[in-house]
PDB file of N, CA and C in Angstrom:
ATOM      1  N   MET A   1      12.692 -51.664-141.998  1.00  0.00           N
ATOM      2  CA  MET A   1      13.079 -50.625-142.940  1.00  0.00           C
ATOM      3  C   MET A   1      12.920 -51.101-144.392  1.00  0.00           C
ATOM      4  N   ALA A   2      13.235 -52.353-144.640  1.00  0.00           N
ATOM      5  CA  ALA A   2      13.115 -52.891-145.995  1.00  0.00           C
ATOM      6  C   ALA A   2      11.671 -52.830-146.471  1.00  0.00           C
ATOM      7  N   ALA A   3      10.744 -53.042-145.545  1.00  0.00           N
ATOM      8  CA  ALA A   3       9.332 -52.994-145.913  1.00  0.00           C
ATOM      9  C   ALA A   3       8.945 -51.586-146.347  1.00  0.00           C
ATOM     10  N   LEU A   4       9.467 -50.577-145.671  1.00  0.00           N
ATOM     11  CA  LEU A   4       9.170 -49.190-146.056  1.00  0.00           C
ATOM     12  C   LEU A   4       9.761 -48.860-147.419  1.00  0.00           C
ATOM     13  N   GLU A   5      10.950 -49.371-147.689  1.00  0.00           N
ATOM     14  CA  GLU A   5      11.567 -49.137-149.002  1.00  0.00           C
ATOM     15  C   GLU A   5      10.760 -49.815-150.114  1.00  0.00           C
ATOM     16  N   ARG A   6      10.336 -51.032-149.839  1.00  0.00           N
ATOM     17  CA  ARG A   6       9.528 -51.736-150.837  1.00  0.00           C
ATOM     18  C   ARG A   6       8.195 -51.028-151.055  1.00  0.00           C
ATOM     19  N   LEU A   7       7.617 -50.539-149.984  1.00  0.00           N
ATOM     20  CA  LEU A   7       6.364 -49.788-150.094  1.00  0.00           C
ATOM     21  C   LEU A   7       6.572 -48.524-150.915  1.00  0.00           C
ATOM     22  N   ALA A   8       7.674 -47.834-150.687  1.00  0.00           N
ATOM     23  CA  ALA A   8       7.982 -46.615-151.449  1.00  0.00           C
ATOM     24  C   ALA A   8       8.200 -46.947-152.924  1.00  0.00           C
ATOM     25  N   GLU A   9       8.907 -48.053-153.188  1.00  0.00           N
ATOM     26  CA  GLU A   9       9.118 -48.474-154.581  1.00  0.00           C
ATOM     27  C   GLU A   9       7.800 -48.832-155.251  1.00  0.00           C
ATOM     28  N   THR A  10       6.965 -49.540-154.517  1.00  0.00           N
ATOM     29  CA  THR A  10       5.656 -49.923-155.056  1.00  0.00           C
ATOM     30  C   THR A  10       4.814 -48.689-155.347  1.00  0.00           C
ATOM     31  N   GLN A  11       4.845 -47.717-154.444  1.00  0.00           N
ATOM     32  CA  GLN A  11       4.089 -46.480-154.647  1.00  0.00           C
ATOM     33  C   GLN A  11       4.625 -45.730-155.861  1.00  0.00           C
ATOM     34  N   ASP A  12       5.946 -45.714-156.032  1.00  0.00           N
ATOM     35  CA  ASP A  12       6.560 -45.053-157.186  1.00  0.00           C
ATOM     36  C   ASP A  12       6.117 -45.720-158.479  1.00  0.00           C
ATOM     37  N   ILE A  13       6.133 -47.053-158.484  1.00  0.00           N
ATOM     38  CA  ILE A  13       5.677 -47.786-159.678  1.00  0.00           C
ATOM     39  C   ILE A  13       4.213 -47.481-159.963  1.00  0.00           C
ATOM     40  N   LEU A  14       3.409 -47.469-158.926  1.00  0.00           N
ATOM     41  CA  LEU A  14       1.992 -47.143-159.084  1.00  0.00           C
ATOM     42  C   LEU A  14       1.809 -45.732-159.637  1.00  0.00           C
ATOM     43  N   ASP A  15       2.545 -44.778-159.101  1.00  0.00           N
ATOM     44  CA  ASP A  15       2.454 -43.389-159.572  1.00  0.00           C
ATOM     45  C   ASP A  15       2.846 -43.287-161.049  1.00  0.00           C
ATOM     46  N   ARG A  16       3.945 -43.970-161.412  1.00  0.00           N
ATOM     47  CA  ARG A  16       4.378 -43.921-162.813  1.00  0.00           C
ATOM     48  C   ARG A  16       3.370 -44.606-163.729  1.00  0.00           C
ATOM     49  N   THR A  17       2.799 -45.695-163.250  1.00  0.00           N
ATOM     50  CA  THR A  17       1.782 -46.405-164.038  1.00  0.00           C
ATOM     51  C   THR A  17       0.546 -45.534-164.243  1.00  0.00           C
ATOM     52  N   GLU A  18       0.124 -44.859-163.195  1.00  0.00           N
ATOM     53  CA  GLU A  18      -1.032 -43.962-163.299  1.00  0.00           C
ATOM     54  C   GLU A  18      -0.742 -42.803-164.247  1.00  0.00           C
ATOM     55  N   ALA A  19       0.467 -42.268-164.188  1.00  0.00           N
ATOM     56  CA  ALA A  19       0.841 -41.173-165.093  1.00  0.00           C
ATOM     57  C   ALA A  19       0.844 -41.661-166.542  1.00  0.00           C
ATOM     58  N   LEU A  20       1.368 -42.849-166.766  1.00  0.00           N
ATOM     59  CA  LEU A  20       1.375 -43.417-168.114  1.00  0.00           C
ATOM     60  C   LEU A  20      -0.049 -43.641-168.610  1.00  0.00           C
ATOM     61  N   ALA A  21      -0.892 -44.166-167.748  1.00  0.00           N
ATOM     62  CA  ALA A  21      -2.292 -44.387-168.119  1.00  0.00           C
ATOM     63  C   ALA A  21      -2.980 -43.065-168.467  1.00  0.00           C
ATOM     64  N   ALA A  22      -2.695 -42.021-167.714  1.00  0.00           N
ATOM     65  CA  ALA A  22      -3.285 -40.710-167.990  1.00  0.00           C
ATOM     66  C   ALA A  22      -2.816 -40.191-169.350  1.00  0.00           C
ATOM     67  N   ARG A  23      -1.526 -40.364-169.660  1.00  0.00           N
ATOM     68  CA  ARG A  23      -1.013 -39.931-170.970  1.00  0.00           C
ATOM     69  C   ARG A  23      -1.672 -40.731-172.094  1.00  0.00           C
ATOM     70  N   GLN A  24      -1.814 -42.018-171.869  1.00  0.00           N
ATOM     71  CA  GLN A  24      -2.438 -42.864-172.895  1.00  0.00           C
ATOM     72  C   GLN A  24      -3.898 -42.463-173.103  1.00  0.00           C
ATOM     73  N   ARG A  25      -4.619 -42.197-172.025  1.00  0.00           N
ATOM     74  CA  ARG A  25      -6.023 -41.758-172.159  1.00  0.00           C
ATOM     75  C   ARG A  25      -6.094 -40.451-172.938  1.00  0.00           C
ATOM     76  N   HIS A  26      -5.156 -39.552-172.665  1.00  0.00           N
ATOM     77  CA  HIS A  26      -5.125 -38.269-173.375  1.00  0.00           C
ATOM     78  C   HIS A  26      -4.875 -38.488-174.869  1.00  0.00           C
ATOM     79  N   ARG A  27      -3.920 -39.367-175.192  1.00  0.00           N
ATOM     80  CA  ARG A  27      -3.625 -39.663-176.602  1.00  0.00           C
ATOM     81  C   ARG A  27      -4.821 -40.292-177.297  1.00  0.00           C
ATOM     82  N   VAL A  28      -5.481 -41.217-176.602  1.00  0.00           N
ATOM     83  CA  VAL A  28      -6.660 -41.863-177.182  1.00  0.00           C
ATOM     84  C   VAL A  28      -7.746 -40.823-177.437  1.00  0.00           C
ATOM     85  N   GLU A  29      -7.954 -39.931-176.500  1.00  0.00           N
ATOM     86  CA  GLU A  29      -8.979 -38.890-176.664  1.00  0.00           C
ATOM     87  C   GLU A  29      -8.623 -37.961-177.832  1.00  0.00           C
ATOM     88  N   GLN A  30      -7.341 -37.606-177.951  1.00  0.00           N
ATOM     89  CA  GLN A  30      -6.916 -36.774-179.086  1.00  0.00           C
ATOM     90  C   GLN A  30      -7.163 -37.500-180.402  1.00  0.00           C
ATOM     91  N   SER A  31      -6.802 -38.763-180.461  1.00  0.00           N
ATOM     92  CA  SER A  31      -7.001 -39.546-181.685  1.00  0.00           C
ATOM     93  C   SER A  31      -8.483 -39.654-182.010  1.00  0.00           C
ATOM     94  N   ARG A  32      -9.282 -39.874-180.988  1.00  0.00           N
ATOM     95  CA  ARG A  32     -10.736 -39.980-181.182  1.00  0.00           C
ATOM     96  C   ARG A  32     -11.295 -38.666-181.731  1.00  0.00           C
ATOM     97  N   THR A  33     -10.869 -37.567-181.156  1.00  0.00           N
ATOM     98  CA  THR A  33     -11.336 -36.255-181.617  1.00  0.00           C
ATOM     99  C   THR A  33     -10.928 -36.015-183.072  1.00  0.00           C
ATOM    100  N   GLN A  34      -9.675 -36.340-183.408  1.00  0.00           N
ATOM    101  CA  GLN A  34      -9.211 -36.166-184.784  1.00  0.00           C
ATOM    102  C   GLN A  34      -9.990 -37.044-185.745  1.00  0.00           C
ATOM    103  N   LEU A  35     -10.276 -38.270-185.345  1.00  0.00           N
ATOM    104  CA  LEU A  35     -11.034 -39.177-186.200  1.00  0.00           C
ATOM    105  C   LEU A  35     -12.453 -38.676-186.411  1.00  0.00           C
ATOM    106  N   LEU A  36     -13.089 -38.207-185.346  1.00  0.00           N
ATOM    107  CA  LEU A  36     -14.445 -37.671-185.481  1.00  0.00           C
ATOM    108  C   LEU A  36     -14.469 -36.441-186.383  1.00  0.00           C
ATOM    109  N   GLU A  37     -13.447 -35.585-186.278  1.00  0.00           N
ATOM    110  CA  GLU A  37     -13.375 -34.410-187.153  1.00  0.00           C
ATOM    111  C   GLU A  37     -13.205 -34.847-188.609  1.00  0.00           C
ATOM    112  N   LYS A  38     -12.371 -35.845-188.847  1.00  0.00           N
ATOM    113  CA  LYS A  38     -12.153 -36.333-190.210  1.00  0.00           C
ATOM    114  C   LYS A  38     -13.431 -36.959-190.757  1.00  0.00           C
ATOM    115  N   ILE A  39     -14.124 -37.729-189.945  1.00  0.00           N
ATOM    116  CA  ILE A  39     -15.395 -38.334-190.374  1.00  0.00           C
ATOM    117  C   ILE A  39     -16.402 -37.246-190.718  1.00  0.00           C
ATOM    118  N   SER A  40     -16.463 -36.215-189.896  1.00  0.00           N
ATOM    119  CA  SER A  40     -17.400 -35.117-190.142  1.00  0.00           C
ATOM    120  C   SER A  40     -17.082 -34.413-191.459  1.00  0.00           C
ATOM    121  N   ARG A  41     -15.790 -34.135-191.699  1.00  0.00           N
ATOM    122  CA  ARG A  41     -15.395 -33.501-192.968  1.00  0.00           C
ATOM    123  C   ARG A  41     -15.741 -34.392-194.155  1.00  0.00           C
ATOM    124  N   THR A  42     -15.485 -35.687-194.018  1.00  0.00           N
ATOM    125  CA  THR A  42     -15.782 -36.621-195.103  1.00  0.00           C
ATOM    126  C   THR A  42     -17.280 -36.661-195.376  1.00  0.00           C
ATOM    127  N   GLN A  43     -18.085 -36.694-194.317  1.00  0.00           N
ATOM    128  CA  GLN A  43     -19.538 -36.687-194.495  1.00  0.00           C
ATOM    129  C   GLN A  43     -19.996 -35.407-195.189  1.00  0.00           C
ATOM    130  N   ASP A  44     -19.419 -34.275-194.791  1.00  0.00           N
ATOM    131  CA  ASP A  44     -19.777 -33.007-195.434  1.00  0.00           C
ATOM    132  C   ASP A  44     -19.414 -33.028-196.920  1.00  0.00           C
ATOM    133  N   GLU A  45     -18.227 -33.563-197.233  1.00  0.00           N
ATOM    134  CA  GLU A  45     -17.799 -33.640-198.627  1.00  0.00           C
ATOM    135  C   GLU A  45     -18.730 -34.557-199.421  1.00  0.00           C
ATOM    136  N   HIS A  46     -19.085 -35.695-198.846  1.00  0.00           N
ATOM    137  CA  HIS A  46     -19.977 -36.630-199.534  1.00  0.00           C
ATOM    138  C   HIS A  46     -21.359 -36.026-199.729  1.00  0.00           C
ATOM    139  N   SER A  47     -21.839 -35.308-198.735  1.00  0.00           N
ATOM    140  CA  SER A  47     -23.149 -34.650-198.861  1.00  0.00           C
ATOM    141  C   SER A  47     -23.124 -33.624-199.986  1.00  0.00           C
ATOM    142  N   ALA A  48     -22.036 -32.876-200.085  1.00  0.00           N
ATOM    143  CA  ALA A  48     -21.922 -31.876-201.152  1.00  0.00           C
ATOM    144  C   ALA A  48     -21.895 -32.550-202.517  1.00  0.00           C
ATOM    145  N   VAL A  49     -21.152 -33.649-202.648  1.00  0.00           N
ATOM    146  CA  VAL A  49     -21.084 -34.371-203.919  1.00  0.00           C
ATOM    147  C   VAL A  49     -22.452 -34.938-204.272  1.00  0.00           C
ATOM    148  N   LEU A  50     -23.148 -35.513-203.293  1.00  0.00           N
ATOM    149  CA  LEU A  50     -24.483 -36.052-203.556  1.00  0.00           C
ATOM    150  C   LEU A  50     -25.444 -34.949-203.988  1.00  0.00           C
ATOM    151  N   ALA A  51     -25.339 -33.793-203.372  1.00  0.00           N
ATOM    152  CA  ALA A  51     -26.202 -32.674-203.752  1.00  0.00           C
ATOM    153  C   ALA A  51     -25.910 -32.240-205.193  1.00  0.00           C
ATOM    154  N   GLN A  52     -24.625 -32.197-205.552  1.00  0.00           N
ATOM    155  CA  GLN A  52     -24.262 -31.843-206.930  1.00  0.00           C
ATOM    156  C   GLN A  52     -24.808 -32.868-207.916  1.00  0.00           C
ATOM    157  N   HIS A  53     -24.652 -34.139-207.593  1.00  0.00           N
ATOM    158  CA  HIS A  53     -25.150 -35.186-208.481  1.00  0.00           C
ATOM    159  C   HIS A  53     -26.666 -35.124-208.608  1.00  0.00           C
ATOM    160  N   GLY A  54     -27.327 -34.852-207.485  1.00  0.00           N
ATOM    161  CA  GLY A  54     -28.783 -34.710-207.526  1.00  0.00           C
ATOM    162  C   GLY A  54     -29.202 -33.568-208.438  1.00  0.00           C
ATOM    163  N   ALA A  55     -28.499 -32.448-208.343  1.00  0.00           N
ATOM    164  CA  ALA A  55     -28.821 -31.303-209.203  1.00  0.00           C
ATOM    165  C   ALA A  55     -28.563 -31.637-210.669  1.00  0.00           C
ATOM    166  N   MET A  56     -27.455 -32.348-210.943  1.00  0.00           N
ATOM    167  CA  MET A  56     -27.166 -32.730-212.330  1.00  0.00           C
ATOM    168  C   MET A  56     -28.225 -33.692-212.866  1.00  0.00           C
ATOM    169  N   LEU A  57     -28.642 -34.650-212.064  1.00  0.00           N
ATOM    170  CA  LEU A  57     -29.673 -35.592-212.500  1.00  0.00           C
ATOM    171  C   LEU A  57     -30.992 -34.886-212.768  1.00  0.00           C
ATOM    172  N   THR A  58     -31.325 -33.944-211.910  1.00  0.00           N
ATOM    173  CA  THR A  58     -32.554 -33.176-212.116  1.00  0.00           C
ATOM    174  C   THR A  58     -32.481 -32.403-213.429  1.00  0.00           C
ATOM    175  N   GLU A  59     -31.322 -31.804-213.685  1.00  0.00           N
ATOM    176  CA  GLU A  59     -31.143 -31.060-214.940  1.00  0.00           C
ATOM    177  C   GLU A  59     -31.216 -31.992-216.142  1.00  0.00           C
ATOM    178  N   ILE A  60     -30.604 -33.155-216.052  1.00  0.00           N
ATOM    179  CA  ILE A  60     -30.644 -34.120-217.155  1.00  0.00           C
ATOM    180  C   ILE A  60     -32.071 -34.572-217.417  1.00  0.00           C
ATOM    181  N   LEU A  61     -32.813 -34.877-216.364  1.00  0.00           N
ATOM    182  CA  LEU A  61     -34.212 -35.284-216.533  1.00  0.00           C
ATOM    183  C   LEU A  61     -35.035 -34.176-217.178  1.00  0.00           C
ATOM    184  N   SER A  62     -34.778 -32.960-216.775  1.00  0.00           N
ATOM    185  CA  SER A  62     -35.499 -31.820-217.359  1.00  0.00           C
ATOM    186  C   SER A  62     -35.184 -31.693-218.848  1.00  0.00           C
ATOM    187  N   ILE A  63     -33.927 -31.859-219.200  1.00  0.00           N
ATOM    188  CA  ILE A  63     -33.520 -31.776-220.612  1.00  0.00           C
ATOM    189  C   ILE A  63     -34.164 -32.904-221.407  1.00  0.00           C
ATOM    190  N   LEU A  64     -34.170 -34.104-220.855  1.00  0.00           N
ATOM    191  CA  LEU A  64     -34.774 -35.244-221.550  1.00  0.00           C
ATOM    192  C   LEU A  64     -36.269 -35.049-221.731  1.00  0.00           C
ATOM    193  N   ARG A  65     -36.940 -34.530-220.713  1.00  0.00           N
ATOM    194  CA  ARG A  65     -38.385 -34.279-220.831  1.00  0.00           C
ATOM    195  C   ARG A  65     -38.661 -33.246-221.919  1.00  0.00           C
ATOM    196  N   ASP A  66     -37.851 -32.179-221.943  1.00  0.00           N
ATOM    197  CA  ASP A  66     -38.022 -31.145-222.949  1.00  0.00           C
ATOM    198  C   ASP A  66     -37.764 -31.699-224.355  1.00  0.00           C
ATOM    199  N   ALA A  67     -36.769 -32.560-224.465  1.00  0.00           N
ATOM    200  CA  ALA A  67     -36.392 -33.115-225.774  1.00  0.00           C
ATOM    201  C   ALA A  67     -37.455 -34.093-226.277  1.00  0.00           C
ATOM    202  N   ASN A  68     -38.139 -34.768-225.393  1.00  0.00           N
ATOM    203  CA  ASN A  68     -39.159 -35.756-225.789  1.00  0.00           C
ATOM    204  C   ASN A  68     -40.520 -35.128-226.003  1.00  0.00           C
ATOM    205  N   GLY A  69     -40.660 -33.881-225.737  1.00  0.00           N
ATOM    206  CA  GLY A  69     -41.938 -33.214-225.939  1.00  0.00           C
ATOM    207  C   GLY A  69     -42.923 -33.550-224.825  1.00  0.00           C
ATOM    208  N   PRO A  70     -44.178 -33.154-225.023  1.00  0.00           N
ATOM    209  CA  PRO A  70     -45.178 -33.384-223.971  1.00  0.00           C
ATOM    210  C   PRO A  70     -45.431 -34.900-223.785  1.00  0.00           C
ATOM    211  N   ALA A  71     -45.784 -35.243-222.574  1.00  0.00           N
ATOM    212  CA  ALA A  71     -46.079 -36.647-222.247  1.00  0.00           C
ATOM    213  C   ALA A  71     -47.330 -37.095-222.982  1.00  0.00           C
ATOM    214  N   ARG A  72     -47.352 -38.337-223.401  1.00  0.00           N
ATOM    215  CA  ARG A  72     -48.506 -38.837-224.171  1.00  0.00           C
ATOM    216  C   ARG A  72     -49.487 -39.525-223.286  1.00  0.00           C
TER     217      ARG A  72
END
């Protein structure tokens, strides 16, 4: 009988361990998803800033070319 009780206890520990592992995997997946979303937003923001800077540089170059007159 003691062997059956120990087996039941071992199975209970295994079940609880598996449940904990499943919760941890779920948390890791949630964290991963949130991190990927944040990275994507950051990349989008950086792309927008780079595009703005590119447009400003193009405008500055155009102004400088106009101010210097025709190329020699």
